[in-house]
Protein backbone atom coordinates (compact mmCIF):
# COMPACT_ATOMS: atom_id res chain seq x y z
CA MET A 1 -50.29 10.05 -12.87
CA ILE A 2 -49.20 6.98 -15.02
CA LEU A 3 -46.24 8.67 -16.68
CA LYS A 4 -45.12 9.85 -13.03
CA ALA A 5 -45.67 6.46 -11.44
CA VAL A 6 -43.66 5.06 -14.41
CA PHE A 7 -41.02 7.35 -13.67
CA LEU A 8 -40.93 6.90 -9.86
CA HIS A 9 -40.73 2.87 -10.64
CA ASN A 10 -37.85 3.04 -12.96
CA PHE A 11 -35.97 5.58 -10.74
CA PHE A 12 -36.36 3.36 -7.62
CA LEU A 13 -35.33 0.34 -9.77
CA SER A 14 -32.03 2.10 -10.86
CA PHE A 15 -31.27 3.35 -7.52
CA VAL A 16 -31.60 -0.41 -6.11
CA LEU A 17 -29.48 -2.03 -8.91
CA TYR A 18 -26.76 0.69 -8.12
CA THR A 19 -26.93 -0.13 -4.81
CA ILE A 20 -26.64 -3.81 -5.43
CA PHE A 21 -23.71 -3.17 -7.73
CA LEU A 22 -21.92 -1.26 -5.06
CA SER A 23 -22.46 -4.03 -2.50
CA ALA A 24 -21.17 -6.62 -4.94
CA THR A 25 -18.13 -4.70 -5.75
CA THR A 26 -17.17 -3.02 -2.59
CA PRO A 27 -16.05 -4.21 0.70
CA SER A 28 -19.17 -4.75 2.96
CA THR A 29 -18.38 -1.90 5.36
CA VAL A 30 -17.08 0.73 3.18
CA LEU A 31 -20.07 2.99 2.54
CA ALA A 32 -20.64 3.35 6.38
CA GLU A 33 -17.08 4.33 6.92
CA LYS A 34 -16.49 6.56 4.07
CA LYS A 35 -15.74 10.16 5.25
CA TYR A 36 -14.04 12.93 3.61
CA LEU A 37 -12.47 16.16 4.93
CA SER A 38 -13.09 19.46 3.35
CA SER A 39 -10.14 21.16 1.47
CA TYR A 40 -9.32 23.19 4.39
CA ALA A 41 -9.64 20.58 7.09
CA HIS A 42 -7.30 18.20 4.77
CA ARG A 43 -4.65 20.98 4.52
CA LYS A 44 -4.75 21.58 8.16
CA TYR A 45 -4.42 17.49 8.69
CA ILE A 46 -1.51 17.51 6.44
CA GLU A 47 0.36 20.25 8.07
CA GLU A 48 -0.31 18.76 11.37
CA ARG A 49 1.37 15.59 10.58
CA THR A 50 4.41 17.41 8.50
CA CYS A 51 7.83 16.65 9.95
CA GLU A 52 9.52 19.85 11.40
CA ALA A 53 12.58 20.63 9.12
CA PRO A 54 15.89 20.32 10.75
CA GLN A 55 17.37 23.83 11.37
CA LYS A 56 20.04 22.87 8.63
CA LEU A 57 18.93 20.71 5.94
CA SER A 58 21.58 18.55 4.85
CA LYS A 59 22.62 18.96 1.09
CA GLN A 60 23.13 15.22 0.74
CA LYS A 61 20.07 13.55 -0.54
CA ILE A 62 18.89 10.03 1.19
CA ARG A 63 20.87 7.20 -0.33
CA LEU A 64 18.51 3.90 -0.51
CA LYS A 65 20.38 0.81 -0.33
CA LYS A 66 19.20 -1.46 -3.04
CA ILE A 67 19.50 -5.20 -2.23
CA LEU A 68 18.75 -8.47 -3.89
CA TYR A 69 16.88 -10.64 -1.22
CA GLY A 70 16.06 -13.58 -3.47
CA LYS A 71 15.18 -14.73 -6.84
CA SER A 72 11.64 -15.83 -8.22
CA LYS A 73 11.10 -19.55 -9.35
CA LYS A 74 11.77 -18.05 -12.79
CA GLY A 75 15.13 -16.71 -11.67
CA ARG A 76 14.17 -13.09 -11.76
CA ALA A 77 15.39 -10.47 -9.09
CA LEU A 78 13.83 -9.89 -5.81
CA ILE A 79 14.80 -6.34 -4.97
CA ALA A 80 14.24 -4.27 -1.91
CA TYR A 81 15.16 -0.51 -1.44
CA ILE A 82 16.22 0.55 2.18
CA VAL A 83 16.37 3.69 3.78
CA PRO A 84 18.57 3.23 6.57
CA PRO A 85 17.71 4.62 9.89
CA LYS A 86 19.42 7.51 11.46
CA SER A 87 19.74 5.83 14.53
CA THR A 88 22.67 3.05 15.13
CA ASN A 89 20.77 1.54 18.10
CA GLU A 90 18.72 -1.34 16.95
CA ASP A 91 16.61 -1.39 20.01
CA LYS A 92 15.23 2.11 19.07
CA ILE A 93 14.93 1.11 15.45
CA LYS A 94 11.64 0.54 13.96
CA ASN A 95 11.02 -1.61 10.68
CA VAL A 96 8.42 -0.06 8.09
CA PHE A 97 7.76 -2.50 5.24
CA ILE A 98 5.88 -1.04 1.97
CA LEU A 99 5.37 -3.69 -0.74
CA ALA A 100 3.58 -3.98 -3.76
CA SER A 101 2.09 -6.47 -6.74
CA GLN A 102 2.13 -9.53 -4.72
CA HIS A 103 -0.64 -10.24 -7.57
CA GLY A 104 1.34 -9.72 -10.95
CA ASP A 105 -1.58 -8.20 -12.97
CA GLU A 106 -1.86 -5.35 -10.56
CA LYS A 107 0.76 -3.29 -12.19
CA ASN A 108 0.15 0.21 -11.02
CA ALA A 109 0.74 -0.78 -7.37
CA SER A 110 4.20 -1.74 -8.44
CA ARG A 111 4.41 1.56 -10.64
CA VAL A 112 3.40 4.18 -7.58
CA LEU A 113 5.84 2.43 -5.54
CA ASP A 114 8.66 3.02 -8.21
CA LEU A 115 7.57 6.74 -8.08
CA PHE A 116 7.77 6.69 -4.43
CA VAL A 117 11.50 5.53 -4.29
CA ARG A 118 12.13 8.01 -6.93
CA GLU A 119 11.15 10.57 -4.67
CA LEU A 120 12.47 9.58 -1.62
CA ARG A 121 15.88 9.97 -3.73
CA THR A 122 15.25 13.65 -3.93
CA LEU A 123 14.59 14.36 -0.09
CA PRO A 124 17.49 15.49 2.25
CA ALA A 125 19.09 12.89 4.36
CA SER A 126 18.53 15.07 7.46
CA TYR A 127 14.76 13.55 7.42
CA ARG A 128 15.68 10.06 8.40
CA ASN A 129 14.88 9.10 11.77
CA ASN A 130 14.49 6.07 13.69
CA ARG A 131 12.80 4.18 11.24
CA ARG A 132 14.42 1.63 8.47
CA ILE A 133 12.07 1.89 5.71
CA LEU A 134 12.09 -1.18 3.60
CA ILE A 135 10.14 -0.85 -0.21
CA ILE A 136 9.67 -3.84 -2.23
CA PRO A 137 8.06 -2.25 -5.61
CA LEU A 138 7.85 -5.70 -7.31
CA TYR A 139 7.01 -8.69 -5.27
CA ASN A 140 5.80 -10.90 -7.87
CA PRO A 141 7.97 -10.17 -11.00
CA ASP A 142 7.22 -13.41 -12.66
CA GLY A 143 3.50 -12.73 -12.28
CA TYR A 144 4.24 -9.15 -13.29
CA HIS A 145 5.85 -10.34 -16.58
CA ASN A 146 3.10 -12.28 -17.55
CA ASN A 147 0.42 -9.98 -16.55
CA ASP A 148 -0.87 -12.82 -14.59
CA ARG A 149 -2.12 -12.66 -10.81
CA PHE A 150 -0.33 -15.77 -9.90
CA ALA A 151 3.52 -16.77 -9.54
CA ALA A 152 5.03 -19.32 -11.49
CA GLY A 153 3.58 -22.61 -10.91
CA LYS A 154 0.16 -20.74 -10.35
CA ILE A 155 1.03 -19.96 -6.76
CA ASP A 156 -1.23 -17.14 -5.14
CA LEU A 157 1.59 -15.20 -3.42
CA ASN A 158 -1.05 -13.77 -0.96
CA ARG A 159 -2.36 -17.13 -0.08
CA ASP A 160 1.37 -18.83 0.58
CA PHE A 161 1.75 -17.67 4.02
CA PRO A 162 1.84 -20.29 6.97
CA SER A 163 -1.22 -18.80 8.74
CA SER A 164 -3.32 -21.24 10.99
CA ASN A 165 -5.82 -21.12 8.04
CA GLY A 166 -3.41 -21.44 5.21
CA ALA A 167 -2.40 -24.28 2.99
CA GLU A 168 -0.80 -27.21 4.24
CA GLY A 169 3.23 -27.06 4.00
CA ALA A 170 3.14 -23.37 3.05
CA PRO A 171 5.03 -21.50 2.21
CA HIS A 172 5.82 -22.98 -1.23
CA ALA A 173 6.97 -20.44 -3.51
CA PRO A 174 10.64 -19.00 -3.41
CA GLU A 175 9.28 -15.56 -3.45
CA THR A 176 7.20 -16.01 -0.17
CA LYS A 177 10.40 -17.95 1.45
CA ALA A 178 12.92 -14.81 0.63
CA PHE A 179 10.33 -12.29 1.88
CA MET A 180 10.33 -14.52 5.45
CA ARG A 181 13.79 -14.55 5.44
CA LEU A 182 13.80 -10.91 5.08
CA LEU A 183 11.44 -10.39 7.79
CA GLU A 184 13.87 -12.44 9.94
CA LYS A 185 16.79 -10.20 9.33
CA TYR A 186 14.69 -7.11 9.82
CA PRO A 187 11.59 -7.92 12.12
CA ALA A 188 8.63 -5.78 10.93
CA ASN A 189 7.05 -3.20 13.20
CA PHE A 190 4.51 -2.34 10.31
CA ILE A 191 3.64 -3.56 6.97
CA TYR A 192 1.81 -1.87 4.27
CA ASN A 193 0.52 -3.98 1.45
CA MET A 194 -0.47 -2.39 -1.78
CA HIS A 195 -3.04 -4.00 -4.27
CA GLN A 196 -5.62 -3.24 -6.59
CA PRO A 197 -8.45 -2.48 -7.57
CA PHE A 198 -10.95 -1.62 -4.82
CA ARG A 199 -9.85 1.60 -3.77
CA VAL A 200 -9.99 0.99 0.10
CA VAL A 201 -7.63 0.87 3.10
CA LEU A 202 -8.17 -2.47 4.88
CA HIS A 203 -7.44 -3.11 8.42
CA TYR A 204 -8.26 -5.50 11.20
CA PRO A 205 -10.25 -3.88 14.21
CA GLU A 206 -6.99 -3.41 16.36
CA ASP A 207 -5.20 -1.64 13.68
CA LEU A 208 -7.68 1.14 12.81
CA GLU A 209 -5.72 4.15 14.25
CA LEU A 210 -3.08 3.04 12.19
CA ALA A 211 -5.12 2.90 8.98
CA LYS A 212 -6.99 6.11 9.65
CA PRO A 213 -4.24 8.43 8.49
CA PHE A 214 -3.55 6.81 5.06
CA ALA A 215 -7.42 6.78 4.57
CA ILE A 216 -7.77 10.44 5.49
CA MET A 217 -4.81 11.73 3.39
CA SER A 218 -5.68 9.71 0.28
CA ASP A 219 -9.50 10.14 0.57
CA TYR A 220 -9.78 6.46 0.68
CA PRO A 221 -12.46 4.83 2.63
CA LEU A 222 -11.80 2.44 5.29
CA SER A 223 -12.95 -1.00 5.72
CA SER A 224 -12.23 -4.02 7.96
CA SER A 225 -13.29 -6.70 5.34
CA VAL A 226 -12.62 -7.34 1.61
CA GLY A 227 -15.85 -9.08 1.30
CA TYR A 228 -14.20 -12.59 0.87
CA PRO A 229 -12.14 -15.04 2.82
CA THR A 230 -8.07 -14.67 2.55
CA PRO A 231 -6.64 -17.70 4.14
CA GLY A 232 -2.85 -18.01 4.20
CA SER A 233 -2.56 -14.06 3.28
CA LEU A 234 0.40 -11.89 4.11
CA GLY A 235 -2.41 -9.84 6.60
CA THR A 236 -3.64 -13.20 8.21
CA TRP A 237 -0.32 -14.69 8.86
CA ALA A 238 1.06 -11.10 10.24
CA ARG A 239 -1.87 -10.78 12.28
CA GLU A 240 -0.96 -13.85 13.85
CA LYS A 241 2.38 -12.83 14.55
CA LYS A 242 1.07 -9.35 15.94
CA ILE A 243 2.42 -7.50 13.42
CA PRO A 244 0.12 -4.49 12.38
CA THR A 245 -0.65 -4.65 8.77
CA ILE A 246 -2.52 -2.42 6.54
CA THR A 247 -3.74 -3.40 3.09
CA VAL A 248 -4.15 -0.49 0.65
CA GLU A 249 -6.43 -1.37 -2.53
CA LEU A 250 -5.39 1.17 -4.97
CA SER A 251 -7.39 2.62 -7.71
CA ARG A 252 -8.72 0.05 -10.10
CA SER A 253 -6.96 1.17 -13.48
CA MET A 254 -3.85 -0.93 -14.70
CA ARG A 255 -2.93 1.74 -17.62
CA LYS A 256 0.41 3.25 -17.05
CA VAL A 257 -0.99 6.51 -18.25
CA MET A 258 -2.95 6.34 -14.81
CA THR A 259 0.01 5.85 -12.77
CA PRO A 260 0.63 9.64 -11.76
CA PHE A 261 -3.08 10.18 -10.80
CA ILE A 262 -3.24 7.11 -8.44
CA TYR A 263 0.34 7.90 -7.20
CA GLU A 264 -1.12 11.42 -6.41
CA GLU A 265 -3.96 10.11 -4.62
CA VAL A 266 -1.73 8.36 -2.01
CA ARG A 267 1.75 9.82 -2.12
CA LEU A 268 1.39 11.93 1.28
CA ALA A 269 0.08 8.97 2.98
CA LEU A 270 2.96 6.82 1.94
CA PHE A 271 5.54 9.32 3.14
CA HIS A 272 3.48 9.49 6.48
CA SER A 273 3.69 5.68 6.43
CA ALA A 274 7.01 5.45 5.93
CA PHE A 275 8.47 8.44 8.26
CA GLY A 276 5.84 8.68 10.65
CA CYS A 277 5.34 12.21 9.41
CA ILE A 278 5.64 13.80 6.05
CA PRO A 279 8.62 15.24 5.16
CA GLN A 280 8.38 19.08 4.41
CA LYS A 281 10.05 18.88 1.29
CA ALA A 282 7.85 16.34 0.03
CA ILE A 283 4.56 18.27 0.16
CA ALA A 284 4.65 19.91 -3.18
CA SER A 285 3.22 17.73 -5.72
CA ARG A 286 5.23 16.59 -9.04
CA ILE A 287 2.29 15.03 -10.89
CA GLU A 288 2.99 17.74 -13.73
CA LYS A 289 6.56 16.26 -14.10
CA TYR A 290 5.27 12.58 -14.47
CA LEU A 291 2.72 13.73 -16.75
CA GLN A 292 5.20 15.09 -19.38
CA GLU A 293 7.45 12.08 -19.18
């Protein structure tokens, strides 16, 4: 009886400590909102959101336009890749921004978008629609170069926006100013912001329906809070501007060898976020190819 009591006590203590650990390292609402689909239900969900292939697929592939939209404080190029819309009527075009590595030490966020750009180039141009897709794989090149969260001058680029609760005089960094100029040129309809390491899809309550497909396709949990204040963040500022913004926290590992696995988790969700549906030609995984490189 004594041994049994000791075992139960230790088991209960371990469970309590594990629960405390999860609460400390995971956004507060994640555990309650974590729902997975069965393999069959997930496959059906993907099929229902696949773009209908045009009757005659173009032999021409999507040509991304590479633009220099500014320079970092240290003079490094700020690069965006643009999938041009099929429509020429600006009133019908929706601008979708997908960016990564506002924090330079979150390196696999940037590498994941590099793979996404590679795959976009393999798709037939026929899949273009009324969306202009703007991808910024490396928002903070100075921080990335130094493996540092901050940009040069120790500025947190995700606290540098002129939101009502932001720092006085923001924006301060040339990276933020350049991005805001890009937003002026292409007013955003949706923004997807890739970070690490919490493995969660973060959303404001009004953007829940936009966040759900990304979470379901990636098997990431949903949360409406990261667990700490984010004054001056892109999400806070964009919300005040009425721009739906989803922050995707990718898996924790920063090792390059893990990039294909992290990308595999979110690749279909990225295609859906970009096009509003998943191009049929993008369904097949390429993870074996990336692992051989």
